Amino acid sequence: MYISARADYALRAMLAVADAGSGSASDGGSGGGELVKAASLADSQDIPLSFLQGILLDLRRAGLLHSHRGTEGGYALTRPPAEISVGDVLRAVGGALTSVRGMPADRAGYHGIATGLRDVWLAVDGAIALVVDRTTLADLLADRAPAP
């Protein structure tokens, strides 16, 4: 699995927004507290603002963030950090978790002696999904990432 800068930035931004949320984000707080401005996220996470704005748009379209306009506006999570997985974020900004020649692993097709490769790619995709779908933002904020 290749982790793009876009995916890394998206996860860092989501963690920063979750951390700013009301209640204790690490124990599943609502995440609906303090709004975080894009410029603040960009500065705190060392992410180019123009790049971050596109990422935030994707996260909003995926239903993971909501935004409020105005001088007091910013971004907040749409659900508690305990209900947003790393997989949710990765899929929002990058699509399929595993790709083969630019296509989702389940669309890879082979024939002849290479037929078994599709099963390998699907198993890899399943293993990755198992880790990223069970790891939430709350887990990461509490430093409870799964063991390798």
N, C-alpha and C. Protein backbone atom coordinates (compact mmCIF):
# COMPACT_ATOMS: atom_id res chain seq x y z
N MET A 1 0.85 -1.18 0.00
CA MET A 1 0.00 0.00 0.00
C MET A 1 0.89 1.23 0.00
N TYR A 2 0.59 2.14 -0.86
CA TYR A 2 1.32 3.40 -0.96
C TYR A 2 0.51 4.48 -0.23
N ILE A 3 1.12 5.17 0.71
CA ILE A 3 0.46 6.26 1.42
C ILE A 3 0.90 7.57 0.76
N SER A 4 0.00 8.20 0.07
CA SER A 4 0.31 9.45 -0.63
C SER A 4 0.39 10.60 0.37
N ALA A 5 1.00 11.69 -0.07
CA ALA A 5 1.03 12.90 0.76
C ALA A 5 -0.40 13.35 1.05
N ARG A 6 -1.27 13.22 0.07
CA ARG A 6 -2.68 13.62 0.23
C ARG A 6 -3.33 12.83 1.37
N ALA A 7 -3.12 11.52 1.41
CA ALA A 7 -3.70 10.69 2.46
C ALA A 7 -3.11 11.03 3.83
N ASP A 8 -1.80 11.21 3.86
CA ASP A 8 -1.13 11.57 5.11
C ASP A 8 -1.63 12.91 5.63
N TYR A 9 -1.72 13.89 4.75
CA TYR A 9 -2.21 15.21 5.14
C TYR A 9 -3.65 15.14 5.62
N ALA A 10 -4.48 14.35 4.94
CA ALA A 10 -5.89 14.24 5.32
C ALA A 10 -6.02 13.67 6.73
N LEU A 11 -5.25 12.64 7.03
CA LEU A 11 -5.32 12.05 8.37
C LEU A 11 -4.81 13.02 9.43
N ARG A 12 -3.74 13.72 9.13
CA ARG A 12 -3.22 14.70 10.09
C ARG A 12 -4.21 15.83 10.32
N ALA A 13 -4.86 16.28 9.27
CA ALA A 13 -5.86 17.34 9.42
C ALA A 13 -7.05 16.85 10.24
N MET A 14 -7.52 15.64 9.96
CA MET A 14 -8.65 15.09 10.72
C MET A 14 -8.30 14.92 12.19
N LEU A 15 -7.08 14.49 12.48
CA LEU A 15 -6.66 14.35 13.87
C LEU A 15 -6.62 15.71 14.57
N ALA A 16 -6.15 16.73 13.87
CA ALA A 16 -6.10 18.07 14.46
C ALA A 16 -7.50 18.59 14.72
N VAL A 17 -8.43 18.36 13.81
CA VAL A 17 -9.81 18.79 14.01
C VAL A 17 -10.43 18.01 15.17
N ALA A 18 -10.17 16.70 15.21
CA ALA A 18 -10.71 15.87 16.29
C ALA A 18 -10.17 16.33 17.64
N ASP A 19 -8.90 16.67 17.69
CA ASP A 19 -8.27 17.10 18.93
C ASP A 19 -8.87 18.41 19.43
N ALA A 20 -9.29 19.25 18.50
CA ALA A 20 -9.88 20.54 18.88
C ALA A 20 -11.34 20.40 19.30
N GLY A 21 -11.95 19.23 19.06
CA GLY A 21 -13.36 19.01 19.36
C GLY A 21 -13.64 19.05 20.85
N SER A 22 -14.90 19.27 21.18
CA SER A 22 -15.28 19.34 22.59
C SER A 22 -15.24 17.97 23.24
N GLY A 23 -15.12 17.95 24.53
CA GLY A 23 -15.02 16.69 25.26
C GLY A 23 -13.66 16.08 25.01
N SER A 24 -13.48 14.91 25.52
CA SER A 24 -12.22 14.21 25.33
C SER A 24 -12.31 13.39 24.07
N ALA A 25 -11.65 13.83 23.02
CA ALA A 25 -11.70 13.13 21.75
C ALA A 25 -11.17 11.71 21.89
N SER A 26 -10.19 11.52 22.74
CA SER A 26 -9.60 10.20 22.86
C SER A 26 -10.55 9.19 23.49
N ASP A 27 -11.56 9.67 24.22
CA ASP A 27 -12.51 8.71 24.78
C ASP A 27 -13.85 8.76 24.06
N GLY A 28 -13.82 9.28 22.82
CA GLY A 28 -15.03 9.24 22.00
C GLY A 28 -15.87 10.49 22.10
N GLY A 29 -15.32 11.61 22.54
CA GLY A 29 -16.07 12.86 22.63
C GLY A 29 -16.73 13.19 21.31
N SER A 30 -17.60 14.14 21.32
CA SER A 30 -18.44 14.41 20.15
C SER A 30 -17.69 14.92 18.95
N GLY A 31 -16.57 15.59 19.13
CA GLY A 31 -15.86 16.16 18.00
C GLY A 31 -16.56 17.36 17.42
N GLY A 32 -17.64 17.80 18.03
CA GLY A 32 -18.41 18.90 17.48
C GLY A 32 -18.14 20.22 18.14
N GLY A 33 -17.02 20.39 18.81
CA GLY A 33 -16.73 21.60 19.55
C GLY A 33 -16.11 22.69 18.71
N GLU A 34 -14.94 23.14 19.11
CA GLU A 34 -14.25 24.26 18.49
C GLU A 34 -14.05 24.05 16.99
N LEU A 35 -14.39 25.08 16.23
CA LEU A 35 -14.16 25.04 14.79
C LEU A 35 -12.70 25.36 14.51
N VAL A 36 -12.13 24.69 13.54
CA VAL A 36 -10.73 24.87 13.20
C VAL A 36 -10.64 25.45 11.80
N LYS A 37 -9.93 26.54 11.68
CA LYS A 37 -9.76 27.20 10.39
C LYS A 37 -8.73 26.46 9.54
N ALA A 38 -8.94 26.48 8.22
CA ALA A 38 -8.03 25.81 7.30
C ALA A 38 -6.61 26.34 7.45
N ALA A 39 -6.47 27.65 7.58
CA ALA A 39 -5.13 28.24 7.71
C ALA A 39 -4.44 27.75 8.97
N SER A 40 -5.19 27.58 10.05
CA SER A 40 -4.63 27.08 11.29
C SER A 40 -4.18 25.63 11.14
N LEU A 41 -5.00 24.82 10.46
CA LEU A 41 -4.63 23.43 10.19
C LEU A 41 -3.36 23.37 9.35
N ALA A 42 -3.31 24.19 8.32
CA ALA A 42 -2.15 24.20 7.43
C ALA A 42 -0.89 24.56 8.21
N ASP A 43 -0.97 25.57 9.06
CA ASP A 43 0.19 25.99 9.85
C ASP A 43 0.60 24.92 10.86
N SER A 44 -0.36 24.41 11.60
CA SER A 44 -0.03 23.47 12.67
C SER A 44 0.48 22.13 12.15
N GLN A 45 0.03 21.74 10.96
CA GLN A 45 0.43 20.44 10.41
C GLN A 45 1.44 20.56 9.28
N ASP A 46 1.89 21.78 9.00
CA ASP A 46 2.87 22.02 7.94
C ASP A 46 2.40 21.44 6.60
N ILE A 47 1.18 21.83 6.22
CA ILE A 47 0.56 21.39 4.97
C ILE A 47 0.34 22.63 4.11
N PRO A 48 0.71 22.59 2.84
CA PRO A 48 0.43 23.74 1.97
C PRO A 48 -1.08 24.03 1.95
N LEU A 49 -1.45 25.28 2.23
CA LEU A 49 -2.86 25.64 2.35
C LEU A 49 -3.65 25.34 1.09
N SER A 50 -3.12 25.64 -0.08
CA SER A 50 -3.87 25.39 -1.32
C SER A 50 -4.13 23.90 -1.51
N PHE A 51 -3.20 23.05 -1.12
CA PHE A 51 -3.37 21.60 -1.20
C PHE A 51 -4.39 21.13 -0.17
N LEU A 52 -4.29 21.69 1.03
CA LEU A 52 -5.19 21.31 2.12
C LEU A 52 -6.64 21.65 1.79
N GLN A 53 -6.88 22.77 1.13
CA GLN A 53 -8.25 23.15 0.82
C GLN A 53 -8.96 22.11 -0.05
N GLY A 54 -8.24 21.53 -1.00
CA GLY A 54 -8.82 20.46 -1.81
C GLY A 54 -9.11 19.22 -0.99
N ILE A 55 -8.23 18.90 -0.07
CA ILE A 55 -8.41 17.75 0.81
C ILE A 55 -9.63 17.96 1.71
N LEU A 56 -9.74 19.15 2.29
CA LEU A 56 -10.89 19.45 3.16
C LEU A 56 -12.20 19.37 2.38
N LEU A 57 -12.19 19.78 1.14
CA LEU A 57 -13.39 19.68 0.30
C LEU A 57 -13.77 18.21 0.12
N ASP A 58 -12.81 17.35 -0.17
CA ASP A 58 -13.08 15.92 -0.31
C ASP A 58 -13.62 15.32 0.99
N LEU A 59 -13.06 15.71 2.11
CA LEU A 59 -13.51 15.20 3.41
C LEU A 59 -14.93 15.68 3.73
N ARG A 60 -15.23 16.91 3.33
CA ARG A 60 -16.58 17.44 3.53
C ARG A 60 -17.57 16.71 2.63
N ARG A 61 -17.21 16.50 1.37
CA ARG A 61 -18.08 15.77 0.44
C ARG A 61 -18.33 14.34 0.88
N ALA A 62 -17.36 13.75 1.56
CA ALA A 62 -17.51 12.38 2.05
C ALA A 62 -18.31 12.32 3.35
N GLY A 63 -18.70 13.47 3.87
CA GLY A 63 -19.50 13.50 5.09
C GLY A 63 -18.71 13.34 6.37
N LEU A 64 -17.40 13.58 6.31
CA LEU A 64 -16.57 13.43 7.50
C LEU A 64 -16.37 14.76 8.23
N LEU A 65 -16.45 15.86 7.51
CA LEU A 65 -16.31 17.19 8.07
C LEU A 65 -17.50 18.03 7.67
N HIS A 66 -17.80 19.02 8.48
CA HIS A 66 -18.71 20.07 8.02
C HIS A 66 -18.00 21.39 8.22
N SER A 67 -18.40 22.36 7.43
CA SER A 67 -17.73 23.66 7.49
C SER A 67 -18.75 24.74 7.77
N HIS A 68 -18.26 25.79 8.40
CA HIS A 68 -19.06 26.97 8.68
C HIS A 68 -18.31 28.16 8.12
N ARG A 69 -19.02 29.01 7.39
CA ARG A 69 -18.40 30.19 6.80
C ARG A 69 -18.36 31.34 7.78
N GLY A 70 -17.59 32.34 7.41
CA GLY A 70 -17.54 33.56 8.21
C GLY A 70 -16.28 33.67 9.04
N THR A 71 -16.18 34.81 9.71
CA THR A 71 -14.97 35.07 10.49
C THR A 71 -14.82 34.10 11.65
N GLU A 72 -15.91 33.60 12.16
CA GLU A 72 -15.87 32.62 13.25
C GLU A 72 -16.00 31.20 12.73
N GLY A 73 -15.93 31.03 11.41
CA GLY A 73 -16.13 29.72 10.80
C GLY A 73 -14.93 28.82 10.89
N GLY A 74 -15.06 27.66 10.31
CA GLY A 74 -14.00 26.68 10.30
C GLY A 74 -14.58 25.30 10.05
N TYR A 75 -13.84 24.28 10.44
CA TYR A 75 -14.22 22.89 10.20
C TYR A 75 -14.39 22.15 11.52
N ALA A 76 -15.31 21.18 11.51
CA ALA A 76 -15.53 20.30 12.65
C ALA A 76 -15.91 18.92 12.11
N LEU A 77 -15.70 17.90 12.93
CA LEU A 77 -16.09 16.55 12.54
C LEU A 77 -17.61 16.43 12.52
N THR A 78 -18.11 15.56 11.67
CA THR A 78 -19.55 15.34 11.61
C THR A 78 -20.01 14.28 12.61
N ARG A 79 -19.07 13.48 13.11
CA ARG A 79 -19.39 12.47 14.12
C ARG A 79 -18.21 12.37 15.09
N PRO A 80 -18.40 11.70 16.18
CA PRO A 80 -17.32 11.57 17.17
C PRO A 80 -16.09 10.88 16.57
N PRO A 81 -14.90 11.21 17.07
CA PRO A 81 -13.67 10.58 16.57
C PRO A 81 -13.68 9.05 16.66
N ALA A 82 -14.39 8.51 17.62
CA ALA A 82 -14.48 7.05 17.78
C ALA A 82 -15.29 6.41 16.66
N GLU A 83 -16.02 7.22 15.89
CA GLU A 83 -16.85 6.69 14.81
C GLU A 83 -16.27 6.98 13.42
N ILE A 84 -15.07 7.52 13.36
CA ILE A 84 -14.42 7.80 12.08
C ILE A 84 -13.14 6.99 12.02
N SER A 85 -13.07 6.08 11.06
CA SER A 85 -11.89 5.22 10.95
C SER A 85 -10.86 5.82 10.00
N VAL A 86 -9.65 5.34 10.13
CA VAL A 86 -8.59 5.70 9.20
C VAL A 86 -9.02 5.32 7.78
N GLY A 87 -9.67 4.19 7.65
CA GLY A 87 -10.16 3.75 6.34
C GLY A 87 -11.15 4.72 5.74
N ASP A 88 -12.03 5.29 6.56
CA ASP A 88 -12.98 6.29 6.06
C ASP A 88 -12.25 7.46 5.43
N VAL A 89 -11.21 7.93 6.10
CA VAL A 89 -10.44 9.08 5.63
C VAL A 89 -9.67 8.72 4.35
N LEU A 90 -9.01 7.57 4.37
CA LEU A 90 -8.24 7.16 3.19
C LEU A 90 -9.12 7.01 1.96
N ARG A 91 -10.28 6.42 2.12
CA ARG A 91 -11.19 6.25 0.97
C ARG A 91 -11.74 7.60 0.50
N ALA A 92 -11.94 8.53 1.41
CA ALA A 92 -12.49 9.84 1.05
C ALA A 92 -11.54 10.62 0.15
N VAL A 93 -10.25 10.48 0.38
CA VAL A 93 -9.29 11.26 -0.40
C VAL A 93 -8.58 10.47 -1.49
N GLY A 94 -8.67 9.13 -1.43
CA GLY A 94 -7.92 8.35 -2.41
C GLY A 94 -8.68 7.25 -3.10
N GLY A 95 -9.93 7.01 -2.72
CA GLY A 95 -10.67 5.93 -3.35
C GLY A 95 -10.31 4.58 -2.75
N ALA A 96 -10.10 3.60 -3.62
CA ALA A 96 -9.80 2.23 -3.18
C ALA A 96 -8.51 2.19 -2.36
N LEU A 97 -8.47 1.32 -1.37
CA LEU A 97 -7.28 1.18 -0.54
C LEU A 97 -6.12 0.55 -1.30
N THR A 98 -6.44 -0.39 -2.16
CA THR A 98 -5.42 -1.10 -2.92
C THR A 98 -5.76 -1.00 -4.40
N SER A 99 -4.75 -0.68 -5.19
CA SER A 99 -5.00 -0.62 -6.63
C SER A 99 -3.96 -1.45 -7.37
N VAL A 100 -4.38 -1.98 -8.50
CA VAL A 100 -3.52 -2.75 -9.37
C VAL A 100 -3.57 -2.06 -10.74
N ARG A 101 -2.45 -1.53 -11.13
CA ARG A 101 -2.37 -0.79 -12.40
C ARG A 101 -3.40 0.33 -12.46
N GLY A 102 -3.62 0.99 -11.32
CA GLY A 102 -4.52 2.13 -11.27
C GLY A 102 -5.99 1.79 -11.10
N MET A 103 -6.32 0.51 -10.97
CA MET A 103 -7.72 0.10 -10.78
C MET A 103 -7.87 -0.56 -9.41
N PRO A 104 -9.08 -0.50 -8.83
CA PRO A 104 -9.30 -1.20 -7.57
C PRO A 104 -8.94 -2.68 -7.72
N ALA A 105 -8.42 -3.29 -6.67
CA ALA A 105 -7.97 -4.68 -6.72
C ALA A 105 -9.06 -5.64 -7.19
N ASP A 106 -10.30 -5.36 -6.85
CA ASP A 106 -11.38 -6.28 -7.25
C ASP A 106 -11.70 -6.22 -8.74
N ARG A 107 -11.12 -5.27 -9.44
CA ARG A 107 -11.36 -5.18 -10.88
C ARG A 107 -10.19 -5.74 -11.69
N ALA A 108 -9.15 -6.19 -11.01
CA ALA A 108 -8.00 -6.79 -11.71
C ALA A 108 -8.42 -8.12 -12.32
N GLY A 109 -8.03 -8.33 -13.54
CA GLY A 109 -8.38 -9.58 -14.22
C GLY A 109 -7.15 -10.22 -14.83
N TYR A 110 -7.05 -11.51 -14.67
CA TYR A 110 -5.92 -12.26 -15.19
C TYR A 110 -6.42 -13.53 -15.86
N HIS A 111 -5.56 -14.12 -16.66
CA HIS A 111 -5.88 -15.41 -17.26
C HIS A 111 -4.62 -16.26 -17.31
N GLY A 112 -4.80 -17.51 -17.55
CA GLY A 112 -3.66 -18.42 -17.63
C GLY A 112 -2.97 -18.59 -16.29
N ILE A 113 -1.64 -18.65 -16.33
CA ILE A 113 -0.89 -18.93 -15.10
C ILE A 113 -0.96 -17.80 -14.07
N ALA A 114 -1.39 -16.62 -14.46
CA ALA A 114 -1.46 -15.48 -13.55
C ALA A 114 -2.82 -15.36 -12.86
N THR A 115 -3.74 -16.26 -13.10
CA THR A 115 -5.10 -16.16 -12.56
C THR A 115 -5.12 -15.98 -11.05
N GLY A 116 -4.21 -16.63 -10.33
CA GLY A 116 -4.19 -16.56 -8.87
C GLY A 116 -3.78 -15.20 -8.32
N LEU A 117 -3.20 -14.33 -9.14
CA LEU A 117 -2.80 -13.02 -8.65
C LEU A 117 -3.97 -12.20 -8.13
N ARG A 118 -5.12 -12.31 -8.77
CA ARG A 118 -6.29 -11.55 -8.31
C ARG A 118 -6.60 -11.87 -6.86
N ASP A 119 -6.52 -13.16 -6.50
CA ASP A 119 -6.79 -13.56 -5.12
C ASP A 119 -5.77 -12.98 -4.15
N VAL A 120 -4.52 -12.89 -4.59
CA VAL A 120 -3.48 -12.30 -3.74
C VAL A 120 -3.79 -10.83 -3.49
N TRP A 121 -4.12 -10.10 -4.56
CA TRP A 121 -4.41 -8.67 -4.40
C TRP A 121 -5.65 -8.45 -3.54
N LEU A 122 -6.63 -9.30 -3.67
CA LEU A 122 -7.83 -9.17 -2.83
C LEU A 122 -7.50 -9.47 -1.37
N ALA A 123 -6.63 -10.42 -1.12
CA ALA A 123 -6.22 -10.73 0.25
C ALA A 123 -5.44 -9.56 0.85
N VAL A 124 -4.57 -8.95 0.05
CA VAL A 124 -3.82 -7.79 0.51
C VAL A 124 -4.80 -6.66 0.85
N ASP A 125 -5.75 -6.42 -0.03
CA ASP A 125 -6.75 -5.38 0.20
C ASP A 125 -7.53 -5.65 1.49
N GLY A 126 -7.92 -6.90 1.70
CA GLY A 126 -8.65 -7.27 2.91
C GLY A 126 -7.84 -7.06 4.18
N ALA A 127 -6.55 -7.40 4.12
CA ALA A 127 -5.69 -7.23 5.29
C ALA A 127 -5.51 -5.75 5.63
N ILE A 128 -5.33 -4.94 4.61
CA ILE A 128 -5.20 -3.50 4.83
C ILE A 128 -6.50 -2.94 5.40
N ALA A 129 -7.62 -3.33 4.81
CA ALA A 129 -8.92 -2.85 5.28
C ALA A 129 -9.16 -3.23 6.74
N LEU A 130 -8.73 -4.42 7.13
CA LEU A 130 -8.91 -4.87 8.51
C LEU A 130 -8.23 -3.91 9.49
N VAL A 131 -7.03 -3.49 9.17
CA VAL A 131 -6.30 -2.59 10.06
C VAL A 131 -6.88 -1.18 10.03
N VAL A 132 -7.07 -0.61 8.84
CA VAL A 132 -7.49 0.80 8.78
C VAL A 132 -8.95 0.99 9.15
N ASP A 133 -9.77 -0.03 8.99
CA ASP A 133 -11.19 0.11 9.35
C ASP A 133 -11.45 -0.09 10.83
N ARG A 134 -10.54 -0.72 11.52
CA ARG A 134 -10.74 -0.89 12.97
C ARG A 134 -9.99 0.16 13.79
N THR A 135 -9.18 0.97 13.12
CA THR A 135 -8.44 2.02 13.81
C THR A 135 -9.16 3.35 13.61
N THR A 136 -9.58 3.97 14.72
CA THR A 136 -10.33 5.21 14.64
C THR A 136 -9.45 6.40 14.98
N LEU A 137 -9.98 7.58 14.71
CA LEU A 137 -9.28 8.79 15.10
C LEU A 137 -9.08 8.83 16.62
N ALA A 138 -10.08 8.37 17.36
CA ALA A 138 -9.98 8.34 18.83
C ALA A 138 -8.84 7.42 19.26
N ASP A 139 -8.67 6.29 18.59
CA ASP A 139 -7.56 5.39 18.91
C ASP A 139 -6.22 6.09 18.73
N LEU A 140 -6.09 6.81 17.62
CA LEU A 140 -4.83 7.50 17.34
C LEU A 140 -4.57 8.64 18.32
N LEU A 141 -5.61 9.35 18.68
CA LEU A 141 -5.45 10.44 19.66
C LEU A 141 -5.05 9.88 21.03
N ALA A 142 -5.49 8.67 21.32
CA ALA A 142 -5.16 8.04 22.61
C ALA A 142 -3.89 7.18 22.49
N ASP A 143 -3.25 7.22 21.31
CA ASP A 143 -2.04 6.43 21.06
C ASP A 143 -2.32 4.94 21.22
N ARG A 144 -3.48 4.51 20.67
CA ARG A 144 -3.86 3.11 20.73
C ARG A 144 -3.90 2.49 19.34
N ALA A 145 -2.96 2.80 18.50
CA ALA A 145 -2.91 2.21 17.16
C ALA A 145 -2.67 0.71 17.29
N PRO A 146 -3.19 -0.08 16.34
CA PRO A 146 -3.00 -1.54 16.43
C PRO A 146 -1.53 -1.91 16.31
N ALA A 147 -1.16 -2.96 16.99
CA ALA A 147 0.21 -3.46 16.89
C ALA A 147 0.45 -4.04 15.50
N PRO A 148 1.69 -3.90 15.02
CA PRO A 148 1.99 -4.46 13.67
C PRO A 148 1.92 -5.96 13.65
